[in-house]
Amino acid sequence: MSSSKIAVQRLSDTIAHELERRILEGSLKPGDRLQAERELAAELGVSRPSLREAIQKLVSKGLLHSRQGGGTFVTDRLEAGFTDPWSEMLRQHPDIQSDLLEFRRMLETESAGLAARRATDGDLQRIGDAYARVEGLFAQGPSAEVFAEQVRADLAFHQAIAEASHNVMIGHLTASLFRVTHDNIDRNLRHLRRLEDDWQELRRQHAAIWEGLRTRNAGAAQAAVERHIAFVEESMAATARQAERERRAQTVRIRSPE
């Protein structure tokens, strides 16, 4: 085998490692499309054949997916292996929600503390923008017209904090958890929409989390997240109790004689 061939193979491994690092760190997220081949090769300072070989390595790993004539995209493989079985488990065993929230409390509290200490100016800008979007949407009140956007903005705010922790495991686990719990968070916010005081409390909690991060006060940020998760936990419990009451009422109506 020629030395030039070995060099090309080593270069493609180096390129693949760099792209893999970007996926792990979150600068390339599931669904993102890679830059055009010419642009990416120029950015990395490599030849296009070496870049193609590196991309193929990551396609083989399931981290990238190439579409004929449509570019190359990041897959959700790092998260799907976690979310697929757990989504089904949560549907079949809703009682484990309390365990999930307990895990969220540990994960998100730690990520807030790390983000307060480690966030770059760019990270804080992204978190601030995410907070501004949450606040702008929540300020419109529990409106059915923007409800789906409110849910997405809420999750994006918390995900931005996780990514600012600069811990790749926290970033990916948080994203996975939100995918698993999306339906439950949706139902929870629908419950909170009925209660003006609770809706305003959510806004205050988001503001407190952002203030702790903005001022790089790790203790304040963590305490704010603790309060937020405890509030979510109680609200979800209230939602479950309401669903059980409605189920019982429906059973009574079915059994009642006409």
Protein backbone atom coordinates (compact mmCIF):
# COMPACT_ATOMS: atom_id res chain seq x y z
CA MET A 1 0.00 0.00 0.00
CA SER A 2 1.43 3.41 -0.95
CA SER A 3 2.34 6.01 1.68
CA SER A 4 0.08 8.55 -0.05
CA LYS A 5 -2.91 6.26 0.38
CA ILE A 6 -2.16 5.89 4.11
CA ALA A 7 -1.88 9.67 4.45
CA VAL A 8 -5.30 10.16 2.83
CA GLN A 9 -6.86 7.64 5.16
CA ARG A 10 -5.33 9.30 8.21
CA LEU A 11 -6.53 12.70 7.05
CA SER A 12 -10.08 11.45 6.57
CA ASP A 13 -10.00 10.02 10.10
CA THR A 14 -8.88 13.42 11.41
CA ILE A 15 -11.68 15.17 9.53
CA ALA A 16 -14.24 12.65 10.76
CA HIS A 17 -13.00 13.17 14.32
CA GLU A 18 -13.45 16.95 14.00
CA LEU A 19 -16.99 16.62 12.65
CA GLU A 20 -17.78 14.08 15.37
CA ARG A 21 -16.52 16.56 17.98
CA ARG A 22 -18.83 19.25 16.62
CA ILE A 23 -21.78 16.85 16.84
CA LEU A 24 -20.90 15.89 20.42
CA GLU A 25 -20.46 19.50 21.52
CA GLY A 26 -23.72 20.54 19.89
CA SER A 27 -22.41 23.01 17.33
CA LEU A 28 -23.87 20.53 14.84
CA LYS A 29 -27.32 19.47 16.02
CA PRO A 30 -29.75 16.78 14.84
CA GLY A 31 -31.36 17.98 11.62
CA ASP A 32 -28.59 20.45 10.79
CA ARG A 33 -27.33 20.39 7.23
CA LEU A 34 -23.58 20.39 6.66
CA GLN A 35 -22.11 23.29 4.73
CA ALA A 36 -21.65 22.84 1.03
CA GLU A 37 -18.74 20.51 0.34
CA ARG A 38 -16.59 23.24 -1.20
CA GLU A 39 -17.14 25.59 1.76
CA LEU A 40 -16.55 22.95 4.43
CA ALA A 41 -13.40 21.67 2.75
CA ALA A 42 -12.04 25.23 2.56
CA GLU A 43 -12.91 25.87 6.22
CA LEU A 44 -11.13 22.70 7.34
CA GLY A 45 -8.25 23.23 4.94
CA VAL A 46 -8.59 19.78 3.36
CA SER A 47 -9.29 18.32 -0.05
CA ARG A 48 -12.83 17.51 -1.11
CA PRO A 49 -12.04 13.79 -1.68
CA SER A 50 -10.74 13.52 1.91
CA LEU A 51 -13.83 15.33 3.20
CA ARG A 52 -16.10 12.98 1.25
CA GLU A 53 -14.34 9.97 2.74
CA ALA A 54 -14.69 11.40 6.26
CA ILE A 55 -18.39 12.07 5.73
CA GLN A 56 -18.88 8.52 4.52
CA LYS A 57 -17.27 7.23 7.72
CA LEU A 58 -19.82 9.15 9.78
CA VAL A 59 -22.66 8.03 7.52
CA SER A 60 -21.57 4.45 8.22
CA LYS A 61 -21.68 5.19 11.96
CA GLY A 62 -25.19 6.58 11.59
CA LEU A 63 -24.21 10.09 12.72
CA LEU A 64 -24.77 11.66 9.29
CA HIS A 65 -27.32 10.97 6.58
CA SER A 66 -26.80 11.91 2.93
CA ARG A 67 -29.77 12.67 0.72
CA GLN A 68 -29.39 12.28 -3.01
CA GLY A 69 -29.04 15.79 -4.37
CA GLY A 70 -30.16 17.23 -1.05
CA GLY A 71 -27.04 17.50 1.09
CA THR A 72 -25.82 15.79 4.24
CA PHE A 73 -27.61 16.08 7.59
CA VAL A 74 -26.87 15.27 11.22
CA THR A 75 -29.01 12.40 12.51
CA ASP A 76 -30.48 12.04 15.98
CA ARG A 77 -28.76 8.71 16.64
CA LEU A 78 -27.04 9.91 19.83
CA GLU A 79 -30.46 10.72 21.32
CA ALA A 80 -32.73 8.18 19.62
CA GLY A 81 -31.20 5.20 21.39
CA PHE A 82 -32.24 6.77 24.68
CA THR A 83 -35.59 8.23 23.72
CA ASP A 84 -37.15 5.38 21.75
CA PRO A 85 -37.60 2.86 24.59
CA TRP A 86 -38.26 5.47 27.27
CA SER A 87 -41.02 7.23 25.34
CA GLU A 88 -42.92 3.96 25.23
CA MET A 89 -42.18 3.19 28.89
CA LEU A 90 -43.55 6.56 29.98
CA ARG A 91 -46.76 5.98 28.07
CA GLN A 92 -47.21 2.57 29.67
CA HIS A 93 -45.98 3.49 33.17
CA PRO A 94 -46.87 7.13 33.93
CA ASP A 95 -46.01 6.57 37.61
CA ILE A 96 -42.29 6.82 36.77
CA GLN A 97 -42.76 10.52 35.97
CA SER A 98 -41.70 11.34 39.53
CA ASP A 99 -38.42 9.47 38.99
CA LEU A 100 -37.88 11.34 35.74
CA LEU A 101 -38.46 14.70 37.41
CA GLU A 102 -36.07 13.74 40.19
CA PHE A 103 -33.44 13.03 37.55
CA ARG A 104 -34.27 16.31 35.78
CA ARG A 105 -33.76 18.16 39.06
CA MET A 106 -30.26 16.72 39.47
CA LEU A 107 -29.33 17.25 35.83
CA GLU A 108 -30.73 20.73 35.32
CA THR A 109 -29.58 22.08 38.67
CA GLU A 110 -26.03 20.97 37.95
CA SER A 111 -26.16 22.28 34.38
CA ALA A 112 -27.32 25.71 35.62
CA GLY A 113 -24.44 25.88 38.08
CA LEU A 114 -21.92 24.87 35.44
CA ALA A 115 -23.41 27.29 32.91
CA ALA A 116 -23.18 30.17 35.40
CA ARG A 117 -19.49 29.42 35.85
CA ARG A 118 -18.51 28.34 32.33
CA ALA A 119 -20.74 30.20 29.87
CA THR A 120 -18.97 32.29 27.27
CA ASP A 121 -20.31 35.69 26.28
CA GLY A 122 -21.75 34.00 23.20
CA ASP A 123 -23.50 31.40 25.36
CA LEU A 124 -25.05 34.11 27.52
CA GLN A 125 -26.21 35.90 24.39
CA ARG A 126 -27.93 32.73 23.18
CA ILE A 127 -29.52 32.07 26.58
CA GLY A 128 -30.61 35.70 26.78
CA ASP A 129 -32.18 35.51 23.33
CA ALA A 130 -33.93 32.26 24.30
CA TYR A 131 -35.21 33.86 27.51
CA ALA A 132 -36.43 36.93 25.62
CA ARG A 133 -38.41 34.68 23.29
CA VAL A 134 -39.91 32.73 26.20
CA GLU A 135 -40.88 35.90 28.01
CA GLY A 136 -42.29 37.52 24.88
CA LEU A 137 -44.48 34.51 24.14
CA PHE A 138 -45.56 33.90 27.75
CA ALA A 139 -46.42 37.60 28.11
CA GLN A 140 -49.17 36.99 25.55
CA GLY A 141 -50.86 34.81 28.14
CA PRO A 142 -52.17 31.27 27.74
CA SER A 143 -53.14 31.81 24.12
CA ALA A 144 -54.12 28.78 22.06
CA GLU A 145 -52.74 30.50 18.96
CA VAL A 146 -49.17 30.55 20.26
CA PHE A 147 -49.26 27.63 22.69
CA ALA A 148 -47.12 25.29 20.58
CA GLU A 149 -44.54 28.07 20.18
CA GLN A 150 -44.56 28.64 23.94
CA VAL A 151 -43.77 24.97 24.58
CA ARG A 152 -40.93 24.98 22.04
CA ALA A 153 -39.50 28.24 23.40
CA ASP A 154 -39.63 26.93 26.97
CA LEU A 155 -37.68 23.81 26.01
CA ALA A 156 -35.20 25.81 23.91
CA PHE A 157 -34.43 28.08 26.88
CA HIS A 158 -33.58 25.13 29.12
CA GLN A 159 -31.61 23.43 26.35
CA ALA A 160 -29.53 26.57 25.79
CA ILE A 161 -28.60 26.46 29.48
CA ALA A 162 -27.60 22.79 29.23
CA GLU A 163 -25.37 23.49 26.24
CA ALA A 164 -23.73 26.40 28.08
CA SER A 165 -22.60 23.93 30.77
CA HIS A 166 -19.96 22.79 28.26
CA ASN A 167 -20.50 19.19 29.33
CA VAL A 168 -21.38 17.11 26.28
CA MET A 169 -23.19 14.46 28.33
CA ILE A 170 -25.42 17.04 30.00
CA GLY A 171 -26.19 18.67 26.67
CA HIS A 172 -27.24 15.45 24.96
CA LEU A 173 -29.02 13.93 27.97
CA THR A 174 -31.06 17.10 28.46
CA ALA A 175 -32.07 17.13 24.80
CA SER A 176 -33.03 13.47 25.08
CA LEU A 177 -35.08 14.04 28.22
CA PHE A 178 -37.01 16.87 26.61
CA ARG A 179 -37.83 14.69 23.63
CA VAL A 180 -39.06 11.97 26.00
CA THR A 181 -41.13 14.33 28.15
CA HIS A 182 -42.41 16.68 25.43
CA ASP A 183 -45.97 15.34 25.58
CA ASN A 184 -46.02 15.55 29.37
CA ILE A 185 -44.66 19.10 29.36
CA ASP A 186 -47.29 20.00 26.77
CA ARG A 187 -50.06 18.61 29.02
CA ASN A 188 -48.59 20.33 32.06
CA LEU A 189 -48.54 23.74 30.40
CA ARG A 190 -52.11 23.17 29.23
CA HIS A 191 -53.03 22.69 32.90
CA LEU A 192 -51.16 25.85 33.93
CA ARG A 193 -52.94 27.82 31.22
CA ARG A 194 -56.13 27.54 33.27
CA LEU A 195 -54.57 29.24 36.29
CA GLU A 196 -53.42 32.83 35.86
CA ASP A 197 -51.34 32.86 39.07
CA ASP A 198 -49.46 29.71 38.04
CA TRP A 199 -48.84 31.08 34.57
CA GLN A 200 -47.33 34.25 36.02
CA GLU A 201 -45.27 32.17 38.46
CA LEU A 202 -43.69 30.39 35.51
CA ARG A 203 -42.65 33.76 34.10
CA ARG A 204 -41.09 34.76 37.43
CA GLN A 205 -39.19 31.47 37.61
CA HIS A 206 -37.76 31.86 34.11
CA ALA A 207 -36.70 35.41 35.01
CA ALA A 208 -34.97 34.21 38.19
CA ILE A 209 -33.07 31.49 36.31
CA TRP A 210 -31.92 33.98 33.68
CA GLU A 211 -30.89 36.52 36.33
CA GLY A 212 -28.72 33.94 38.11
CA LEU A 213 -27.03 33.03 34.84
CA ARG A 214 -26.70 36.61 33.60
CA THR A 215 -24.93 37.65 36.81
CA ARG A 216 -22.90 34.40 36.85
CA ASN A 217 -24.27 33.58 40.29
CA ALA A 218 -24.16 29.78 40.29
CA GLY A 219 -25.94 29.43 43.65
CA ALA A 220 -28.81 31.69 42.60
CA ALA A 221 -29.16 29.95 39.24
CA GLN A 222 -29.26 26.52 40.88
CA ALA A 223 -31.77 27.62 43.52
CA ALA A 224 -34.01 29.08 40.82
CA VAL A 225 -33.92 25.82 38.86
CA GLU A 226 -34.69 23.86 42.05
CA ARG A 227 -37.78 26.00 42.64
CA HIS A 228 -38.81 25.65 39.02
CA ILE A 229 -38.57 21.85 38.93
CA ALA A 230 -40.41 21.58 42.28
CA PHE A 231 -43.17 23.75 40.84
CA VAL A 232 -43.33 21.63 37.67
CA GLU A 233 -43.45 18.49 39.79
CA GLU A 234 -46.38 19.75 41.83
CA SER A 235 -48.15 21.00 38.72
CA MET A 236 -47.74 17.64 36.97
CA ALA A 237 -49.11 15.92 40.06
CA ALA A 238 -52.10 18.27 39.97
CA THR A 239 -52.57 17.52 36.28
CA ALA A 240 -52.54 13.79 37.03
CA ARG A 241 -55.08 14.22 39.83
CA GLN A 242 -57.34 16.21 37.53
CA ALA A 243 -57.06 13.55 34.82
CA GLU A 244 -58.00 10.87 37.36
CA ARG A 245 -61.03 12.86 38.51
CA GLU A 246 -62.15 13.25 34.90
CA ARG A 247 -61.66 9.53 34.31
CA ARG A 248 -63.78 8.67 37.35
CA ALA A 249 -66.48 11.13 36.32
CA GLN A 250 -66.58 9.56 32.87
CA THR A 251 -66.93 6.12 34.44
CA VAL A 252 -69.84 7.31 36.56
CA ARG A 253 -71.60 8.78 33.51
CA ILE A 254 -71.19 5.52 31.61
CA ARG A 255 -72.65 3.51 34.49
CA SER A 256 -75.54 5.87 35.23
CA PRO A 257 -78.95 4.62 33.97
CA GLU A 258 -80.59 6.68 31.26
